[in-house]
Protein backbone atom coordinates (compact mmCIF):
# COMPACT_ATOMS: atom_id res chain seq x y z
CA MET A 1 -2.32 26.06 19.17
CA LYS A 2 -5.42 23.94 18.72
CA LEU A 3 -3.68 21.75 16.15
CA LYS A 4 -0.68 21.31 18.43
CA PHE A 5 -2.97 20.37 21.31
CA LEU A 6 -4.85 17.87 19.14
CA SER A 7 -1.62 16.29 17.97
CA THR A 8 -0.40 15.99 21.56
CA MET A 9 -3.66 14.33 22.62
CA LEU A 10 -3.45 11.85 19.72
CA VAL A 11 0.11 10.93 20.61
CA ALA A 12 -0.93 10.42 24.22
CA SER A 13 -3.80 8.22 23.07
CA LEU A 14 -1.49 6.15 20.89
CA SER A 15 0.95 5.76 23.77
CA THR A 16 -1.85 4.23 25.82
CA LEU A 17 -2.69 1.88 22.93
CA SER A 18 0.93 0.78 22.64
CA LEU A 19 1.06 -0.08 26.34
CA SER A 20 -1.92 -2.41 25.95
CA ALA A 21 0.22 -5.17 24.42
CA ASN A 22 -1.05 -8.71 24.99
CA THR A 23 -4.45 -7.56 26.30
CA ALA A 24 -6.52 -9.79 23.99
CA THR A 25 -7.48 -13.17 25.41
CA PRO A 26 -6.80 -16.07 23.02
CA VAL A 27 -9.53 -18.63 22.40
CA LYS A 28 -9.32 -22.34 21.69
CA VAL A 29 -11.16 -23.65 18.65
CA ASP A 30 -10.60 -27.13 17.26
CA GLY A 31 -8.65 -27.03 14.03
CA PHE A 32 -6.77 -23.83 14.80
CA SER A 33 -3.31 -23.26 16.25
CA TYR A 34 -2.92 -20.13 18.33
CA GLU A 35 0.23 -18.27 17.29
CA LYS A 36 0.54 -15.04 19.27
CA THR A 37 -1.17 -11.90 20.55
CA VAL A 38 0.24 -8.41 20.14
CA GLY A 39 -1.81 -5.50 21.42
CA ASP A 40 -5.46 -6.21 20.63
CA ILE A 41 -4.75 -8.58 17.73
CA SER A 42 -4.47 -12.35 17.99
CA GLU A 43 -3.06 -14.58 15.25
CA TYR A 44 -4.24 -18.11 14.46
CA THR A 45 -3.46 -20.68 11.77
CA LEU A 46 -6.07 -22.99 10.27
CA ASP A 47 -4.25 -26.30 10.59
CA SER A 48 -5.80 -28.03 7.58
CA ASN A 49 -4.60 -25.55 4.96
CA GLY A 50 -2.28 -22.95 6.52
CA LEU A 51 -4.67 -19.98 6.33
CA THR A 52 -3.55 -17.16 8.64
CA VAL A 53 -6.31 -15.46 10.67
CA LEU A 54 -6.01 -12.19 12.59
CA LEU A 55 -8.75 -11.24 15.07
CA MET A 56 -9.28 -7.80 16.61
CA PRO A 57 -12.58 -7.63 18.54
CA ASP A 58 -14.03 -4.17 19.23
CA HIS A 59 -17.57 -3.94 20.57
CA SER A 60 -17.85 -0.14 20.52
CA ALA A 61 -20.25 -0.30 17.52
CA PRO A 62 -22.29 -3.13 15.91
CA VAL A 63 -20.08 -3.14 12.82
CA VAL A 64 -17.47 -5.57 11.54
CA THR A 65 -14.94 -5.56 8.71
CA PHE A 66 -13.85 -8.79 7.08
CA MET A 67 -10.81 -8.62 4.83
CA VAL A 68 -8.81 -11.26 3.02
CA ALA A 69 -5.34 -10.35 1.77
CA TYR A 70 -3.58 -12.48 -0.83
CA ARG A 71 0.19 -12.25 -0.83
CA VAL A 72 0.33 -11.46 -4.52
CA GLY A 73 0.81 -8.10 -6.19
CA SER A 74 2.57 -6.60 -9.16
CA ARG A 75 5.92 -7.83 -7.76
CA ASN A 76 4.74 -11.33 -8.73
CA GLU A 77 4.23 -10.39 -12.38
CA VAL A 78 6.57 -10.75 -15.34
CA THR A 79 6.65 -9.29 -18.83
CA GLY A 80 3.45 -10.29 -20.58
CA THR A 81 1.40 -10.47 -17.40
CA THR A 82 1.98 -6.99 -15.95
CA GLY A 83 -1.29 -5.70 -14.57
CA ALA A 84 -2.68 -9.25 -14.27
CA THR A 85 -3.09 -8.98 -10.49
CA HIS A 86 -5.17 -5.84 -10.87
CA LEU A 87 -7.26 -7.14 -13.77
CA LEU A 88 -7.91 -10.36 -11.82
CA GLU A 89 -9.04 -8.24 -8.88
CA HIS A 90 -11.70 -6.70 -11.14
CA LEU A 91 -12.81 -10.11 -12.39
CA MET A 92 -13.22 -11.36 -8.81
CA PHE A 93 -16.46 -9.35 -8.72
CA LYS A 94 -17.96 -11.06 -11.78
CA GLY A 95 -19.27 -14.09 -9.94
CA SER A 96 -18.32 -17.52 -8.64
CA GLU A 97 -19.98 -20.90 -9.08
CA ASN A 98 -22.32 -20.46 -6.12
CA TYR A 99 -22.67 -16.68 -6.01
CA ASN A 100 -23.34 -14.85 -9.27
CA ARG A 101 -25.74 -12.47 -10.99
CA THR A 102 -27.71 -15.25 -12.63
CA LYS A 103 -28.66 -16.47 -9.17
CA GLY A 104 -29.19 -12.93 -7.92
CA ASN A 105 -26.70 -13.38 -5.10
CA ASN A 106 -23.47 -11.93 -6.48
CA VAL A 107 -21.13 -10.48 -3.87
CA ASP A 108 -22.07 -6.86 -4.57
CA GLN A 109 -25.78 -7.70 -4.57
CA LEU A 110 -25.54 -9.40 -1.17
CA VAL A 111 -23.50 -6.65 0.46
CA GLU A 112 -25.66 -3.85 -0.93
CA ALA A 113 -28.81 -5.65 0.25
CA VAL A 114 -27.63 -5.48 3.87
CA GLY A 115 -26.40 -1.87 3.63
CA GLY A 116 -22.70 -2.72 3.72
CA ASN A 117 -19.67 -1.30 1.92
CA MET A 118 -17.28 -3.43 -0.07
CA ASN A 119 -14.34 -3.09 -2.43
CA ALA A 120 -10.85 -4.36 -3.21
CA ASN A 121 -7.45 -2.95 -4.04
CA THR A 122 -4.16 -4.13 -5.47
CA TRP A 123 -0.63 -2.91 -4.86
CA LEU A 124 2.96 -4.04 -5.23
CA ASP A 125 2.94 -6.83 -2.65
CA ARG A 126 -0.71 -7.77 -2.06
CA THR A 127 -4.31 -7.84 -3.21
CA CYS A 128 -7.12 -7.48 -0.68
CA TYR A 129 -10.91 -7.83 -0.68
CA PHE A 130 -13.14 -6.54 2.08
CA ALA A 131 -16.59 -5.60 3.32
CA GLU A 132 -17.72 -3.42 6.23
CA LEU A 133 -21.20 -4.35 7.38
CA GLY A 134 -23.46 -4.97 10.35
CA SER A 135 -22.17 -7.68 12.65
CA GLU A 136 -25.20 -9.89 12.08
CA HIS A 137 -24.26 -10.23 8.41
CA LEU A 138 -20.71 -11.48 8.96
CA GLU A 139 -21.45 -15.08 7.98
CA THR A 140 -23.16 -14.00 4.75
CA TYR A 141 -20.07 -12.18 3.60
CA ILE A 142 -17.60 -14.86 4.72
CA ALA A 143 -19.54 -17.42 2.68
CA VAL A 144 -19.41 -15.45 -0.57
CA GLU A 145 -15.82 -14.24 -0.06
CA ALA A 146 -14.57 -17.75 0.65
CA ASP A 147 -16.40 -19.15 -2.38
CA ARG A 148 -14.56 -16.90 -4.79
CA MET A 149 -11.18 -17.96 -3.38
CA ARG A 150 -11.34 -21.15 -5.43
CA ASN A 151 -14.61 -21.13 -7.41
CA LEU A 152 -14.31 -18.00 -9.54
CA LEU A 153 -15.98 -18.31 -12.96
CA LEU A 154 -13.33 -16.33 -14.92
CA LEU A 155 -15.10 -15.97 -18.27
CA GLU A 156 -13.76 -14.38 -21.45
CA THR A 157 -17.09 -12.55 -21.76
CA ASP A 158 -16.19 -10.75 -18.52
CA ARG A 159 -12.50 -10.21 -19.28
CA ALA A 160 -13.03 -8.30 -22.53
CA PRO A 161 -15.26 -5.48 -21.17
CA GLU A 162 -13.40 -5.30 -17.84
CA MET A 163 -10.13 -4.89 -19.70
CA THR A 164 -11.49 -1.63 -21.14
CA VAL A 165 -12.31 -0.41 -17.62
CA VAL A 166 -8.76 -1.10 -16.48
CA ARG A 167 -7.34 0.47 -19.63
CA ASN A 168 -9.35 3.60 -18.84
CA GLU A 169 -7.74 3.69 -15.38
CA PHE A 170 -4.37 3.40 -17.10
CA GLU A 171 -5.18 6.32 -19.40
CA ILE A 172 -6.32 8.51 -16.50
CA GLY A 173 -2.93 7.95 -14.87
CA GLU A 174 -1.18 8.85 -18.11
CA ASN A 175 -2.74 12.32 -17.87
CA ASP A 176 -1.24 13.02 -14.45
CA PRO A 177 2.29 14.48 -14.78
CA THR A 178 3.52 13.23 -11.40
CA GLN A 179 2.12 9.73 -11.94
CA VAL A 180 3.69 9.48 -15.37
CA LEU A 181 7.05 10.69 -14.09
CA ASP A 182 6.89 8.41 -11.06
CA LYS A 183 6.18 5.36 -13.23
CA GLU A 184 9.13 6.04 -15.52
CA MET A 185 11.48 6.90 -12.65
CA THR A 186 10.57 3.68 -10.87
CA ALA A 187 11.12 1.67 -14.05
CA VAL A 188 14.61 3.17 -14.30
CA ALA A 189 15.35 2.73 -10.58
CA PHE A 190 14.56 -1.01 -10.70
CA LEU A 191 16.12 -2.76 -13.67
CA ALA A 192 15.91 -6.35 -12.42
CA HIS A 193 13.42 -6.38 -9.55
CA PRO A 194 9.72 -6.56 -10.53
CA TYR A 195 8.95 -3.27 -8.76
CA HIS A 196 10.07 -2.08 -12.20
CA HIS A 197 6.46 -2.64 -13.35
CA SER A 198 3.69 -0.38 -12.09
CA THR A 199 0.66 -2.07 -10.55
CA ILE A 200 -1.64 -0.96 -13.37
CA GLY A 201 0.66 -2.71 -15.85
CA TRP A 202 1.79 -1.77 -19.34
CA ARG A 203 -0.95 -1.01 -21.87
CA SER A 204 -0.12 -3.86 -24.26
CA ASP A 205 -0.22 -6.40 -21.41
CA ILE A 206 -3.55 -5.05 -20.15
CA GLU A 207 -4.99 -5.39 -23.63
CA GLY A 208 -3.33 -8.66 -24.58
CA VAL A 209 -3.38 -10.93 -21.52
CA SER A 210 -5.61 -13.94 -22.16
CA ILE A 211 -8.25 -15.41 -19.89
CA GLU A 212 -6.11 -18.57 -19.78
CA LYS A 213 -3.17 -16.58 -18.37
CA LEU A 214 -5.44 -15.00 -15.76
CA LYS A 215 -6.75 -18.44 -14.77
CA GLU A 216 -3.17 -19.62 -14.44
CA PHE A 217 -2.39 -16.64 -12.22
CA TYR A 218 -5.50 -17.32 -10.12
CA ASP A 219 -4.67 -21.01 -9.75
CA THR A 220 -1.12 -20.18 -8.71
CA PHE A 221 -1.73 -17.61 -5.97
CA TYR A 222 -5.33 -17.80 -4.70
CA TRP A 223 -4.96 -20.43 -1.99
CA PRO A 224 -5.46 -20.42 1.79
CA ASP A 225 -1.75 -20.78 2.59
CA ASN A 226 -1.03 -17.64 0.55
CA SER A 227 -3.60 -15.47 2.30
CA THR A 228 -4.49 -13.80 5.59
CA VAL A 229 -8.02 -13.27 6.84
CA THR A 230 -8.57 -10.32 9.16
CA ILE A 231 -11.71 -9.67 11.19
CA VAL A 232 -12.03 -6.35 13.03
CA GLY A 233 -15.02 -5.12 15.00
CA ASP A 234 -18.06 -6.43 16.83
CA PHE A 235 -17.79 -10.22 16.77
CA ASP A 236 -17.08 -13.12 19.10
CA PRO A 237 -13.58 -14.54 18.43
CA ALA A 238 -14.58 -18.18 18.82
CA THR A 239 -17.58 -17.71 16.53
CA GLY A 240 -15.40 -15.89 14.00
CA LEU A 241 -12.92 -18.76 13.89
CA GLU A 242 -15.72 -21.32 13.52
CA LEU A 243 -17.11 -19.40 10.55
CA VAL A 244 -13.69 -19.16 8.93
CA LYS A 245 -13.20 -22.91 9.39
CA LYS A 246 -16.68 -23.65 8.00
CA TYR A 247 -16.15 -21.74 4.75
CA TYR A 248 -12.37 -21.72 4.22
CA GLY A 249 -11.62 -25.11 5.75
CA VAL A 250 -13.08 -26.86 2.69
CA TYR A 251 -9.99 -25.90 0.66
CA PRO A 252 -6.61 -27.66 0.74
CA ARG A 253 -3.24 -26.03 0.68
CA ALA A 254 -1.88 -25.00 -2.71
CA PRO A 255 -1.05 -28.16 -4.69
CA LYS A 256 2.33 -26.69 -5.63
CA PRO A 257 4.68 -24.39 -3.70
CA ILE A 258 3.68 -20.74 -4.09
CA PRO A 259 6.35 -19.13 -6.32
CA GLN A 260 8.52 -16.70 -4.37
CA VAL A 261 10.24 -13.62 -5.72
CA TYR A 262 13.98 -14.18 -5.38
CA THR A 263 15.28 -11.43 -7.66
CA VAL A 264 17.44 -8.88 -5.84
CA GLU A 265 18.03 -5.50 -7.46
CA PRO A 266 21.77 -5.11 -8.26
CA ALA A 267 23.63 -2.25 -6.65
CA GLN A 268 23.21 0.99 -8.56
CA THR A 269 26.47 2.39 -9.93
CA GLY A 270 25.60 6.02 -10.55
CA GLN A 271 22.78 8.52 -10.75
CA ARG A 272 20.12 7.77 -13.34
CA ARG A 273 18.03 10.41 -15.11
CA VAL A 274 14.64 10.42 -16.80
CA ILE A 275 13.00 13.06 -19.02
CA VAL A 276 9.32 12.81 -19.87
CA LYS A 277 7.82 15.19 -22.44
CA LYS A 278 4.04 15.17 -22.66
CA ALA A 279 1.14 17.56 -22.96
CA GLY A 280 0.77 19.65 -19.83
CA GLN A 281 1.00 23.11 -18.32
CA LEU A 282 3.70 23.08 -15.64
CA GLY A 283 6.87 21.10 -15.05
CA VAL A 284 7.72 18.64 -12.29
CA VAL A 285 11.06 17.63 -10.80
CA GLY A 286 11.33 14.32 -8.97
CA VAL A 287 14.23 12.86 -7.02
CA ALA A 288 14.15 9.29 -5.70
CA TYR A 289 16.66 7.52 -3.44
CA LYS A 290 17.04 3.79 -2.80
CA ILE A 291 15.94 2.79 0.73
CA PRO A 292 15.38 -0.56 2.46
CA GLU A 293 12.21 -2.58 2.98
CA GLY A 294 9.36 -1.73 5.37
CA SER A 295 10.52 -4.14 8.08
CA HIS A 296 14.04 -2.67 8.19
CA PRO A 297 15.10 -1.04 11.50
CA ASP A 298 15.85 2.23 9.67
CA GLN A 299 12.32 2.54 8.31
CA ALA A 300 10.96 4.82 11.08
CA ALA A 301 13.88 7.24 10.83
CA LEU A 302 13.50 7.31 7.03
CA GLN A 303 9.80 8.10 7.31
CA VAL A 304 10.64 10.99 9.66
CA LEU A 305 13.38 12.15 7.28
CA GLY A 306 10.95 12.22 4.36
CA SER A 307 8.48 14.22 6.40
CA ILE A 308 11.11 16.78 7.44
CA LEU A 309 12.18 17.21 3.84
CA ALA A 310 8.88 17.65 2.03
CA ASP A 311 5.75 17.04 4.08
CA GLY A 312 3.80 20.20 4.77
CA LYS A 313 4.44 23.91 5.01
CA ASN A 314 7.14 23.58 7.66
CA SER A 315 9.22 21.14 5.62
CA ARG A 316 12.67 22.04 4.34
CA LEU A 317 11.77 21.96 0.63
CA TYR A 318 8.52 23.88 1.10
CA ARG A 319 10.40 26.71 2.80
CA ALA A 320 13.18 26.63 0.20
CA LEU A 321 10.94 26.40 -2.86
CA THR A 322 7.24 27.02 -2.34
CA ASP A 323 7.60 29.87 0.15
CA LYS A 324 9.81 31.58 -2.42
CA THR A 325 7.21 31.04 -5.20
CA LEU A 326 9.56 28.74 -7.11
CA THR A 327 7.10 25.84 -6.88
CA THR A 328 3.37 25.52 -6.39
CA ASP A 329 3.88 22.66 -3.96
CA VAL A 330 6.30 19.99 -2.79
CA SER A 331 5.57 16.47 -1.55
CA GLN A 332 7.24 13.21 -0.64
CA TYR A 333 6.52 9.51 -0.42
CA THR A 334 8.70 7.16 1.59
CA GLY A 335 8.07 3.61 0.45
CA PHE A 336 6.93 0.96 2.93
CA PHE A 337 6.98 -2.35 1.07
CA HIS A 338 8.15 -5.95 1.26
CA ASP A 339 11.40 -5.30 -0.61
CA PRO A 340 13.80 -2.34 -0.87
CA THR A 341 12.08 0.65 -2.40
CA LEU A 342 12.35 4.43 -2.83
CA LEU A 343 12.10 7.70 -0.95
CA ASN A 344 10.54 10.12 -3.44
CA LEU A 345 10.70 13.92 -3.40
CA TRP A 346 8.48 15.96 -5.75
CA ALA A 347 8.47 19.63 -6.74
CA ASN A 348 5.72 21.08 -8.94
CA LEU A 349 7.26 24.06 -10.71
CA ALA A 350 5.74 27.53 -10.70
CA PRO A 351 5.36 29.32 -14.06
CA GLY A 352 8.67 30.57 -15.43
CA ILE A 353 10.83 28.41 -13.14
CA THR A 354 13.27 26.04 -14.80
CA HIS A 355 13.88 22.42 -13.91
CA GLU A 356 17.55 23.23 -13.36
CA GLN A 357 16.69 25.84 -10.71
CA ALA A 358 14.43 23.54 -8.73
CA GLU A 359 16.72 20.50 -8.96
CA LYS A 360 19.71 22.56 -7.81
CA ILE A 361 17.87 23.83 -4.73
CA MET A 362 16.54 20.36 -3.89
CA ALA A 363 20.06 18.92 -4.06
CA GLU A 364 21.45 21.77 -1.94
CA GLU A 365 18.79 21.25 0.74
CA VAL A 366 19.50 17.53 0.90
CA GLU A 367 23.24 18.15 1.22
CA ARG A 368 22.69 20.83 3.86
CA LEU A 369 20.62 18.42 5.91
CA LYS A 370 23.29 15.72 5.56
CA LYS A 371 25.97 18.15 6.73
CA GLU A 372 24.16 20.12 9.45
CA GLY A 373 21.57 17.61 10.60
CA VAL A 374 18.06 18.36 11.82
CA THR A 375 16.75 19.84 15.05
CA ALA A 376 15.06 17.99 17.87
CA GLU A 377 12.03 20.21 17.26
CA GLU A 378 11.82 19.09 13.62
CA VAL A 379 11.97 15.45 14.68
CA SER A 380 9.36 15.94 17.41
CA SER A 381 7.00 17.67 15.01
CA ALA A 382 7.44 15.01 12.31
CA VAL A 383 6.93 12.18 14.81
CA SER A 384 3.80 13.80 16.20
CA LYS A 385 2.40 14.15 12.70
CA LYS A 386 3.21 10.53 11.88
CA LEU A 387 1.47 9.30 15.01
CA ALA A 388 -1.50 11.57 14.35
CA ASP A 389 -1.70 10.22 10.78
CA ILE A 390 -1.74 6.69 12.20
CA ALA A 391 -4.58 7.59 14.55
CA TYR A 392 -6.66 9.15 11.78
CA GLY A 393 -5.82 6.22 9.50
CA ARG A 394 -7.27 3.77 12.02
CA ASP A 395 -10.63 5.47 12.49
CA GLY A 396 -13.13 2.65 12.09
CA THR A 397 -13.00 -1.08 11.52
CA TYR A 398 -12.27 -0.84 7.78
CA ALA A 399 -9.52 1.74 8.30
CA ILE A 400 -7.84 -0.52 10.85
CA ALA A 401 -8.00 -3.54 8.54
CA GLN A 402 -6.68 -1.58 5.56
CA ASN A 403 -3.85 -0.14 7.64
CA LEU A 404 -3.01 -3.61 8.93
CA VAL A 405 -2.91 -5.13 5.44
CA GLU A 406 0.10 -2.96 4.51
CA ASP A 407 2.00 -4.49 7.43
CA ILE A 408 0.92 -7.97 6.34
CA ALA A 409 2.20 -7.16 2.85
CA ALA A 410 5.50 -5.89 4.24
CA GLY A 411 5.95 -9.32 5.80
CA ASP A 412 5.16 -8.74 9.49
CA TRP A 413 1.71 -7.71 10.71
CA THR A 414 3.12 -6.77 14.15
CA LEU A 415 4.59 -3.68 12.50
CA PHE A 416 1.07 -2.35 13.08
CA TYR A 417 2.21 -1.74 16.66
CA SER A 418 6.00 -1.73 16.56
CA ILE A 419 6.26 1.09 14.03
CA GLU A 420 4.61 3.43 16.54
CA ASP A 421 7.19 2.62 19.19
CA ALA A 422 9.93 2.98 16.60
CA TYR A 423 8.70 6.49 15.73
CA ARG A 424 8.85 7.57 19.36
CA LYS A 425 12.48 6.47 19.59
CA VAL A 426 13.69 8.38 16.51
CA THR A 427 16.29 11.03 17.35
CA ALA A 428 17.92 13.83 15.38
CA GLU A 429 21.05 11.66 15.28
CA ASP A 430 19.06 8.82 13.69
CA VAL A 431 17.74 11.11 10.98
CA LEU A 432 21.21 12.45 10.22
CA ARG A 433 22.59 8.90 10.06
CA VAL A 434 19.99 7.58 7.62
CA ALA A 435 20.22 10.73 5.50
CA ASN A 436 23.93 10.18 5.00
CA ARG A 437 23.49 6.46 4.46
CA TYR A 438 20.69 6.55 1.89
CA LEU A 439 20.43 10.02 0.30
CA ASN A 440 23.37 9.50 -1.99
CA GLU A 441 23.58 10.79 -5.55
CA ASP A 442 24.89 7.49 -6.92
CA GLN A 443 21.83 5.72 -5.52
CA SER A 444 19.34 8.24 -6.90
CA VAL A 445 17.10 8.81 -9.90
CA VAL A 446 16.26 12.33 -11.08
CA GLY A 447 13.22 12.91 -13.26
CA TRP A 448 11.93 15.90 -15.20
CA PHE A 449 8.42 16.24 -16.52
CA ILE A 450 8.63 18.78 -19.35
CA PRO A 451 5.19 19.99 -20.45
CA LEU A 452 4.50 20.26 -24.13
CA ILE A 453 1.98 23.08 -24.33
CA PRO A 454 -0.22 22.73 -27.43
CA ALA A 455 0.20 25.52 -29.95
CA GLU A 456 -2.52 28.14 -30.11
CA PRO A 457 -4.83 27.58 -33.10
CA THR A 458 -4.37 30.03 -35.95
CA ASN A 459 -7.23 31.86 -37.61
């Protein structure tokens, strides 16, 4: 009862937030064009170089998060440079011309000195860098972050050791059965589109990419007109824009058009299957279905569908598999990306259960849902959980900025607000419709992780 009450209160809170559209007051700063305001976020463009700026003032605590998102991720990579976006992200912390360890003012040194938190992350459609720190230190961070947009040192002496760090991350992933299976299923699902490559990249590319290639990648994508700056927290909007202009306004637009991904994945013509055999203890069955991009009108209903199928103890697959001790757990991930992606269902097998058994039940549950539909109660529960997840995922200035960057990457930052309204409008009929439209065998990939248990040593 307490959980239900909490969920209801969170949904009510989010409803109030949604109704606050256009509450932020735009400011006028020379050199910027005001674009629009949605909810508490205002968008501006720096006229001299096309940099997009999003401002979300919140004076509830003397803290601010500054984040810059570059519209480049693993979807912008090709064979030979897979993993380059992620490796470049690591090298962005090795120093720029004006801020480096030799001078004692490298980005991590400056942020740590003022008690802030900083990091970066890379995914399919974007790379972002951020710091959360006291409001009085905002200019310090903007200065160092802007400097590394165009003045990164990019030295071979940094690439070589950092490559081993990234390779270690790759190897950690190779020891996770679900990650390994997911990577191979995705590679089979996308034959032409660059989502085929995982963000970490292929081992040989991680090891072999040259510093010259990384410089070329940097000089292609790291420009103001390919990035969005977001400031969330305790700051004055006009002052924030002036600081952005001071430090980012020194750069021109990219000298050449930013290369765009134009490859469209061809229609799939039948179910595809993957078998992975590696050391492990228990098996995994995965099923993935082709679904549209994050900005598609069906996205909210698909997210609810995924939740009903395999998110939590009340989900269809949990009751059909885990409650009956056939699996240790089930899970799902419904992609939310710039281009068409996948809805993934996962079942971790219990000891003694075969892959055939679990796959058969998963397929039967999907078909039963497509035939009989879902209940209004299931939809209401899934929607409430989604809205509660959004609320928890926006707890603090950094959380808001990180949540917002996924909408930027999907191609429309206003999804930050509109997805909430879309969730509230999802009906049982919508879920049934998208299930029948997208959960089709001929548009699916089935994967088995078969554990190879090492033989017991003999005396």
